Amino acid sequence: MTREILLENLRREAEGCRRCALWKTRNRLVFGEGPADAKIMLIGLGPGKRENLQGRPFVGAAGKFLDQLLAEAGLNRGRIYITNVVKCFLPENKASEEQVEACTPYLNQQVEIIQPKLIIALGNVAACYLLEKFGLRCEAMERVHGRVYEVSSLTLSLRIVPMYHPASALRSPGLRGELMKDWRELGKTLKDLGLAG
C-alpha cells in the first residue's frame, strides 16, 4: 500500500475515535495535511476554533504567524506535513495526559508512515512527547528551543527540533523576535542538512 492510502485509512480510523471525551465537542477531526512523503513534519498541540471548523491544522491567528515563520526559514508550507498531537478541538487549548495518551497512537503511525527526516515540535507538549518517546529528557522550552536532537529507533532515524509554539508570541508579543530568530537559524540548519525548500 502507498503512504497516501495508509494515511487515508488511518484518517478514517481516527474519524471514528472515541478514546477520550474530546470527540463529543469536535466539529471536524483535524488529522493533518501535506505530502505523504514529506521530509519535514511539523507537530503542534491541537486544533483551535478555526481548525475545528475547517478540519485543517494551523488556519487561525497562530497559523498566519506560522506562515511567516516558515518563510523566515525558507520553507514552503505545501512541502511539509503538518499535524498535532491531539486531533480533536481542545476547548481550553490544554491537553490532559489522558487525551495525549489516547491520541498519540495516531501520531506515532503518521510518523511511521511518512518517515520524515526532521520533525519540528511546536510547544512543550509536542516537544516533551517526542523527546521522551526517543528516551530523551524533557526540559523547559526556554532551554531547548532551536536545539537539534538526533534520534533513532528500529524503524526511524531523524532529527527533532523543539520550537516555541507560534501562539506563544501572540500571548507574549515580546517572544516574537525570539521566534523569528529561531526560524532563521533553523533555515540555515536545514540548508546544511540538505532539507531546505
C-alpha atoms as a PDB file:
ATOM      1  CA  MET A   1       0.000   0.000   0.000  1.00  0.00           C
ATOM      2  CA  THR A   2       1.159   3.534  -0.726  1.00  0.00           C
ATOM      3  CA  ARG A   3       1.777   6.065   2.043  1.00  0.00           C
ATOM      4  CA  GLU A   4      -1.230   8.078   0.835  1.00  0.00           C
ATOM      5  CA  ILE A   5      -3.532   5.069   1.231  1.00  0.00           C
ATOM      6  CA  LEU A   6      -2.081   4.204   4.644  1.00  0.00           C
ATOM      7  CA  LEU A   7      -2.635   7.790   5.841  1.00  0.00           C
ATOM      8  CA  GLU A   8      -6.175   7.858   4.441  1.00  0.00           C
ATOM      9  CA  ASN A   9      -7.016   4.580   6.202  1.00  0.00           C
ATOM     10  CA  LEU A  10      -5.598   5.974   9.433  1.00  0.00           C
ATOM     11  CA  ARG A  11      -7.607   9.189   8.988  1.00  0.00           C
ATOM     12  CA  ARG A  12     -10.817   7.161   8.615  1.00  0.00           C
ATOM     13  CA  GLU A  13      -9.991   5.204  11.746  1.00  0.00           C
ATOM     14  CA  ALA A  14      -9.335   8.438  13.670  1.00  0.00           C
ATOM     15  CA  GLU A  15     -12.656   9.918  12.496  1.00  0.00           C
ATOM     16  CA  GLY A  16     -14.454   7.172  14.437  1.00  0.00           C
ATOM     17  CA  CYS A  17     -12.280   7.559  17.542  1.00  0.00           C
ATOM     18  CA  ARG A  18     -13.950   7.590  20.974  1.00  0.00           C
ATOM     19  CA  ARG A  19     -10.819   7.008  23.105  1.00  0.00           C
ATOM     20  CA  CYS A  20     -11.389  10.200  25.110  1.00  0.00           C
ATOM     21  CA  ALA A  21     -14.269  12.662  25.581  1.00  0.00           C
ATOM     22  CA  LEU A  22     -12.963  15.218  23.059  1.00  0.00           C
ATOM     23  CA  TRP A  23     -14.908  13.610  20.213  1.00  0.00           C
ATOM     24  CA  LYS A  24     -18.101  14.985  21.787  1.00  0.00           C
ATOM     25  CA  THR A  25     -17.109  18.638  21.230  1.00  0.00           C
ATOM     26  CA  ARG A  26     -15.308  18.329  17.914  1.00  0.00           C
ATOM     27  CA  ASN A  27     -16.871  19.682  14.748  1.00  0.00           C
ATOM     28  CA  ARG A  28     -14.328  18.162  12.377  1.00  0.00           C
ATOM     29  CA  LEU A  29     -11.314  15.958  13.025  1.00  0.00           C
ATOM     30  CA  VAL A  30      -8.047  17.765  12.285  1.00  0.00           C
ATOM     31  CA  PHE A  31      -5.913  14.853  11.161  1.00  0.00           C
ATOM     32  CA  GLY A  32      -3.128  16.624   9.293  1.00  0.00           C
ATOM     33  CA  GLU A  33      -2.198  17.770   5.818  1.00  0.00           C
ATOM     34  CA  GLY A  34       0.740  17.729   3.461  1.00  0.00           C
ATOM     35  CA  PRO A  35       2.670  15.315   1.276  1.00  0.00           C
ATOM     36  CA  ALA A  36       2.729  11.701   2.498  1.00  0.00           C
ATOM     37  CA  ASP A  37       6.467  11.586   1.726  1.00  0.00           C
ATOM     38  CA  ALA A  38       7.334  14.951   3.321  1.00  0.00           C
ATOM     39  CA  LYS A  39      10.929  15.248   4.550  1.00  0.00           C
ATOM     40  CA  ILE A  40       9.814  17.673   7.264  1.00  0.00           C
ATOM     41  CA  MET A  41       6.938  17.190   9.681  1.00  0.00           C
ATOM     42  CA  LEU A  42       5.566  19.905  11.935  1.00  0.00           C
ATOM     43  CA  ILE A  43       3.677  18.878  15.074  1.00  0.00           C
ATOM     44  CA  GLY A  44       1.680  21.248  17.273  1.00  0.00           C
ATOM     45  CA  LEU A  45      -0.588  20.660  20.280  1.00  0.00           C
ATOM     46  CA  GLY A  46      -4.170  20.525  18.992  1.00  0.00           C
ATOM     47  CA  PRO A  47      -6.846  22.270  16.957  1.00  0.00           C
ATOM     48  CA  GLY A  48      -8.365  25.611  17.931  1.00  0.00           C
ATOM     49  CA  LYS A  49     -11.774  27.018  16.912  1.00  0.00           C
ATOM     50  CA  ARG A  50     -10.907  27.800  13.284  1.00  0.00           C
ATOM     51  CA  GLU A  51      -9.196  24.441  12.811  1.00  0.00           C
ATOM     52  CA  ASN A  52     -12.210  22.665  14.304  1.00  0.00           C
ATOM     53  CA  LEU A  53     -14.487  24.352  11.757  1.00  0.00           C
ATOM     54  CA  GLN A  54     -12.270  23.804   8.717  1.00  0.00           C
ATOM     55  CA  GLY A  55     -10.735  20.438   9.598  1.00  0.00           C
ATOM     56  CA  ARG A  56      -7.254  21.803   8.770  1.00  0.00           C
ATOM     57  CA  PRO A  57      -4.281  22.491  11.064  1.00  0.00           C
ATOM     58  CA  PHE A  58      -2.958  25.996  11.748  1.00  0.00           C
ATOM     59  CA  VAL A  59      -5.538  28.125   9.922  1.00  0.00           C
ATOM     60  CA  GLY A  60      -6.208  30.661  12.714  1.00  0.00           C
ATOM     61  CA  ALA A  61      -4.075  33.524  14.026  1.00  0.00           C
ATOM     62  CA  ALA A  62      -1.246  31.178  15.112  1.00  0.00           C
ATOM     63  CA  GLY A  63      -1.343  29.646  11.629  1.00  0.00           C
ATOM     64  CA  LYS A  64      -0.872  33.053   9.991  1.00  0.00           C
ATOM     65  CA  PHE A  65       2.168  33.690  12.172  1.00  0.00           C
ATOM     66  CA  LEU A  66       3.418  30.165  11.429  1.00  0.00           C
ATOM     67  CA  ASP A  67       3.330  31.018   7.714  1.00  0.00           C
ATOM     68  CA  GLN A  68       5.623  33.999   8.440  1.00  0.00           C
ATOM     69  CA  LEU A  69       7.961  31.777  10.444  1.00  0.00           C
ATOM     70  CA  LEU A  70       8.112  29.185   7.660  1.00  0.00           C
ATOM     71  CA  ALA A  71       9.047  31.999   5.264  1.00  0.00           C
ATOM     72  CA  GLU A  72      11.847  33.058   7.656  1.00  0.00           C
ATOM     73  CA  ALA A  73      13.252  29.517   7.387  1.00  0.00           C
ATOM     74  CA  GLY A  74      12.783  29.433   3.614  1.00  0.00           C
ATOM     75  CA  LEU A  75      10.190  26.669   3.875  1.00  0.00           C
ATOM     76  CA  ASN A  76       7.207  26.046   1.634  1.00  0.00           C
ATOM     77  CA  ARG A  77       4.118  25.042   3.648  1.00  0.00           C
ATOM     78  CA  GLY A  78       2.918  22.830   0.810  1.00  0.00           C
ATOM     79  CA  ARG A  79       6.000  20.606   1.145  1.00  0.00           C
ATOM     80  CA  ILE A  80       5.653  19.992   4.895  1.00  0.00           C
ATOM     81  CA  TYR A  81       3.318  17.566   6.633  1.00  0.00           C
ATOM     82  CA  ILE A  82       1.531  19.483   9.420  1.00  0.00           C
ATOM     83  CA  THR A  83      -0.379  17.818  12.244  1.00  0.00           C
ATOM     84  CA  ASN A  84      -0.965  17.972  16.010  1.00  0.00           C
ATOM     85  CA  VAL A  85      -0.505  15.690  18.989  1.00  0.00           C
ATOM     86  CA  VAL A  86      -4.278  15.835  19.624  1.00  0.00           C
ATOM     87  CA  LYS A  87      -6.607  15.614  16.622  1.00  0.00           C
ATOM     88  CA  CYS A  88      -9.836  16.976  18.182  1.00  0.00           C
ATOM     89  CA  PHE A  89     -10.703  20.520  19.247  1.00  0.00           C
ATOM     90  CA  LEU A  90      -9.186  21.499  22.593  1.00  0.00           C
ATOM     91  CA  PRO A  91     -11.690  23.983  24.102  1.00  0.00           C
ATOM     92  CA  GLU A  92      -9.238  25.280  26.729  1.00  0.00           C
ATOM     93  CA  ASN A  93      -6.178  24.860  24.478  1.00  0.00           C
ATOM     94  CA  LYS A  94      -4.756  22.441  27.042  1.00  0.00           C
ATOM     95  CA  ALA A  95      -4.458  18.669  26.740  1.00  0.00           C
ATOM     96  CA  SER A  96      -4.649  16.256  29.654  1.00  0.00           C
ATOM     97  CA  GLU A  97      -2.312  13.262  29.930  1.00  0.00           C
ATOM     98  CA  GLU A  98      -5.306  11.039  29.161  1.00  0.00           C
ATOM     99  CA  GLN A  99      -6.052  12.953  25.945  1.00  0.00           C
ATOM    100  CA  VAL A 100      -2.413  12.822  24.827  1.00  0.00           C
ATOM    101  CA  GLU A 101      -2.253   9.107  25.613  1.00  0.00           C
ATOM    102  CA  ALA A 102      -5.494   8.482  23.689  1.00  0.00           C
ATOM    103  CA  CYS A 103      -4.358  10.360  20.584  1.00  0.00           C
ATOM    104  CA  THR A 104      -0.633   9.661  20.245  1.00  0.00           C
ATOM    105  CA  PRO A 105      -1.078   6.191  18.681  1.00  0.00           C
ATOM    106  CA  TYR A 106      -2.385   8.080  15.609  1.00  0.00           C
ATOM    107  CA  LEU A 107       0.570  10.476  15.692  1.00  0.00           C
ATOM    108  CA  ASN A 108       3.035   7.595  16.051  1.00  0.00           C
ATOM    109  CA  GLN A 109       1.541   5.903  12.995  1.00  0.00           C
ATOM    110  CA  GLN A 110       1.656   9.149  11.000  1.00  0.00           C
ATOM    111  CA  VAL A 111       5.373   9.460  11.768  1.00  0.00           C
ATOM    112  CA  GLU A 112       5.991   5.800  10.859  1.00  0.00           C
ATOM    113  CA  ILE A 113       4.130   6.147   7.546  1.00  0.00           C
ATOM    114  CA  ILE A 114       5.680   9.476   6.496  1.00  0.00           C
ATOM    115  CA  GLN A 115       9.237   8.682   7.714  1.00  0.00           C
ATOM    116  CA  PRO A 116      10.305  12.350   7.963  1.00  0.00           C
ATOM    117  CA  LYS A 117      13.967  13.333   8.180  1.00  0.00           C
ATOM    118  CA  LEU A 118      13.155  16.145  10.627  1.00  0.00           C
ATOM    119  CA  ILE A 119      10.290  16.963  12.997  1.00  0.00           C
ATOM    120  CA  ILE A 120       9.680  20.491  14.249  1.00  0.00           C
ATOM    121  CA  ALA A 121       7.886  20.146  17.600  1.00  0.00           C
ATOM    122  CA  LEU A 122       5.860  23.273  18.388  1.00  0.00           C
ATOM    123  CA  GLY A 123       5.407  23.871  22.101  1.00  0.00           C
ATOM    124  CA  ASN A 124       6.069  21.908  25.281  1.00  0.00           C
ATOM    125  CA  VAL A 125       3.528  19.105  24.851  1.00  0.00           C
ATOM    126  CA  ALA A 126       4.733  18.106  21.371  1.00  0.00           C
ATOM    127  CA  ALA A 127       8.409  18.535  22.284  1.00  0.00           C
ATOM    128  CA  CYS A 128       8.182  16.561  25.535  1.00  0.00           C
ATOM    129  CA  TYR A 129       6.159  13.768  23.976  1.00  0.00           C
ATOM    130  CA  LEU A 130       8.597  13.312  21.088  1.00  0.00           C
ATOM    131  CA  LEU A 131      11.802  13.641  23.105  1.00  0.00           C
ATOM    132  CA  GLU A 132      10.591  11.209  25.778  1.00  0.00           C
ATOM    133  CA  LYS A 133       9.395   8.768  23.096  1.00  0.00           C
ATOM    134  CA  PHE A 134      13.023   8.506  21.978  1.00  0.00           C
ATOM    135  CA  GLY A 135      14.377   8.246  25.532  1.00  0.00           C
ATOM    136  CA  LEU A 136      15.476  11.873  25.952  1.00  0.00           C
ATOM    137  CA  ARG A 137      14.693  14.104  28.904  1.00  0.00           C
ATOM    138  CA  CYS A 138      12.056  16.792  28.543  1.00  0.00           C
ATOM    139  CA  GLU A 139      13.265  20.254  29.543  1.00  0.00           C
ATOM    140  CA  ALA A 140      11.698  23.718  29.611  1.00  0.00           C
ATOM    141  CA  MET A 141      11.233  25.282  26.173  1.00  0.00           C
ATOM    142  CA  GLU A 142      13.453  28.213  27.230  1.00  0.00           C
ATOM    143  CA  ARG A 143      16.350  25.741  27.383  1.00  0.00           C
ATOM    144  CA  VAL A 144      15.712  23.594  24.307  1.00  0.00           C
ATOM    145  CA  HIS A 145      14.146  25.826  21.628  1.00  0.00           C
ATOM    146  CA  GLY A 146      16.059  25.651  18.368  1.00  0.00           C
ATOM    147  CA  ARG A 147      18.262  22.761  19.510  1.00  0.00           C
ATOM    148  CA  VAL A 148      18.642  19.832  17.095  1.00  0.00           C
ATOM    149  CA  TYR A 149      18.314  16.321  18.568  1.00  0.00           C
ATOM    150  CA  GLU A 150      19.321  13.266  16.547  1.00  0.00           C
ATOM    151  CA  VAL A 151      17.148  10.270  17.426  1.00  0.00           C
ATOM    152  CA  SER A 152      16.557   6.782  16.106  1.00  0.00           C
ATOM    153  CA  SER A 153      14.531   3.633  16.709  1.00  0.00           C
ATOM    154  CA  LEU A 154      14.303   0.304  14.907  1.00  0.00           C
ATOM    155  CA  THR A 155      12.277   1.899  12.099  1.00  0.00           C
ATOM    156  CA  LEU A 156      13.193   5.608  12.219  1.00  0.00           C
ATOM    157  CA  SER A 157      16.232   7.835  12.070  1.00  0.00           C
ATOM    158  CA  LEU A 158      15.517  11.559  12.229  1.00  0.00           C
ATOM    159  CA  ARG A 159      16.114  14.892  13.918  1.00  0.00           C
ATOM    160  CA  ILE A 160      13.756  16.686  16.307  1.00  0.00           C
ATOM    161  CA  VAL A 161      13.849  20.474  16.750  1.00  0.00           C
ATOM    162  CA  PRO A 162      11.718  21.843  19.620  1.00  0.00           C
ATOM    163  CA  MET A 163      10.387  25.352  18.940  1.00  0.00           C
ATOM    164  CA  TYR A 164       8.124  27.775  20.731  1.00  0.00           C
ATOM    165  CA  HIS A 165       4.528  27.386  19.558  1.00  0.00           C
ATOM    166  CA  PRO A 166       3.546  30.337  17.312  1.00  0.00           C
ATOM    167  CA  ALA A 167       0.626  31.064  19.685  1.00  0.00           C
ATOM    168  CA  SER A 168       3.150  31.837  22.452  1.00  0.00           C
ATOM    169  CA  ALA A 169       4.168  35.008  20.580  1.00  0.00           C
ATOM    170  CA  LEU A 170       0.510  36.019  20.267  1.00  0.00           C
ATOM    171  CA  ARG A 171       0.112  35.711  24.046  1.00  0.00           C
ATOM    172  CA  SER A 172       3.542  37.246  24.793  1.00  0.00           C
ATOM    173  CA  PRO A 173       4.489  39.673  21.993  1.00  0.00           C
ATOM    174  CA  GLY A 174       7.979  40.015  23.494  1.00  0.00           C
ATOM    175  CA  LEU A 175       8.717  36.477  22.280  1.00  0.00           C
ATOM    176  CA  ARG A 176       8.063  37.339  18.637  1.00  0.00           C
ATOM    177  CA  GLY A 177      11.658  38.375  17.897  1.00  0.00           C
ATOM    178  CA  GLU A 178      12.968  35.212  19.555  1.00  0.00           C
ATOM    179  CA  LEU A 179      10.777  33.033  17.341  1.00  0.00           C
ATOM    180  CA  MET A 180      11.794  34.873  14.179  1.00  0.00           C
ATOM    181  CA  LYS A 181      15.458  34.410  15.109  1.00  0.00           C
ATOM    182  CA  ASP A 182      14.941  30.694  15.863  1.00  0.00           C
ATOM    183  CA  TRP A 183      13.322  30.085  12.483  1.00  0.00           C
ATOM    184  CA  ARG A 184      16.046  31.996  10.606  1.00  0.00           C
ATOM    185  CA  GLU A 185      18.611  29.773  12.348  1.00  0.00           C
ATOM    186  CA  LEU A 186      16.527  26.716  11.502  1.00  0.00           C
ATOM    187  CA  GLY A 187      16.657  27.766   7.844  1.00  0.00           C
ATOM    188  CA  LYS A 188      20.483  27.662   7.966  1.00  0.00           C
ATOM    189  CA  THR A 189      20.408  24.250   9.663  1.00  0.00           C
ATOM    190  CA  LEU A 190      18.030  22.887   7.023  1.00  0.00           C
ATOM    191  CA  LYS A 191      20.370  24.091   4.260  1.00  0.00           C
ATOM    192  CA  ASP A 192      23.276  22.333   5.956  1.00  0.00           C
ATOM    193  CA  LEU A 193      21.203  19.138   6.161  1.00  0.00           C
ATOM    194  CA  GLY A 194      20.018  19.394   2.547  1.00  0.00           C
ATOM    195  CA  LEU A 195      16.390  19.809   3.686  1.00  0.00           C
ATOM    196  CA  ALA A 196      15.759  23.415   2.615  1.00  0.00           C
ATOM    197  CA  GLY A 197      12.863  24.368   0.346  1.00  0.00           C
END
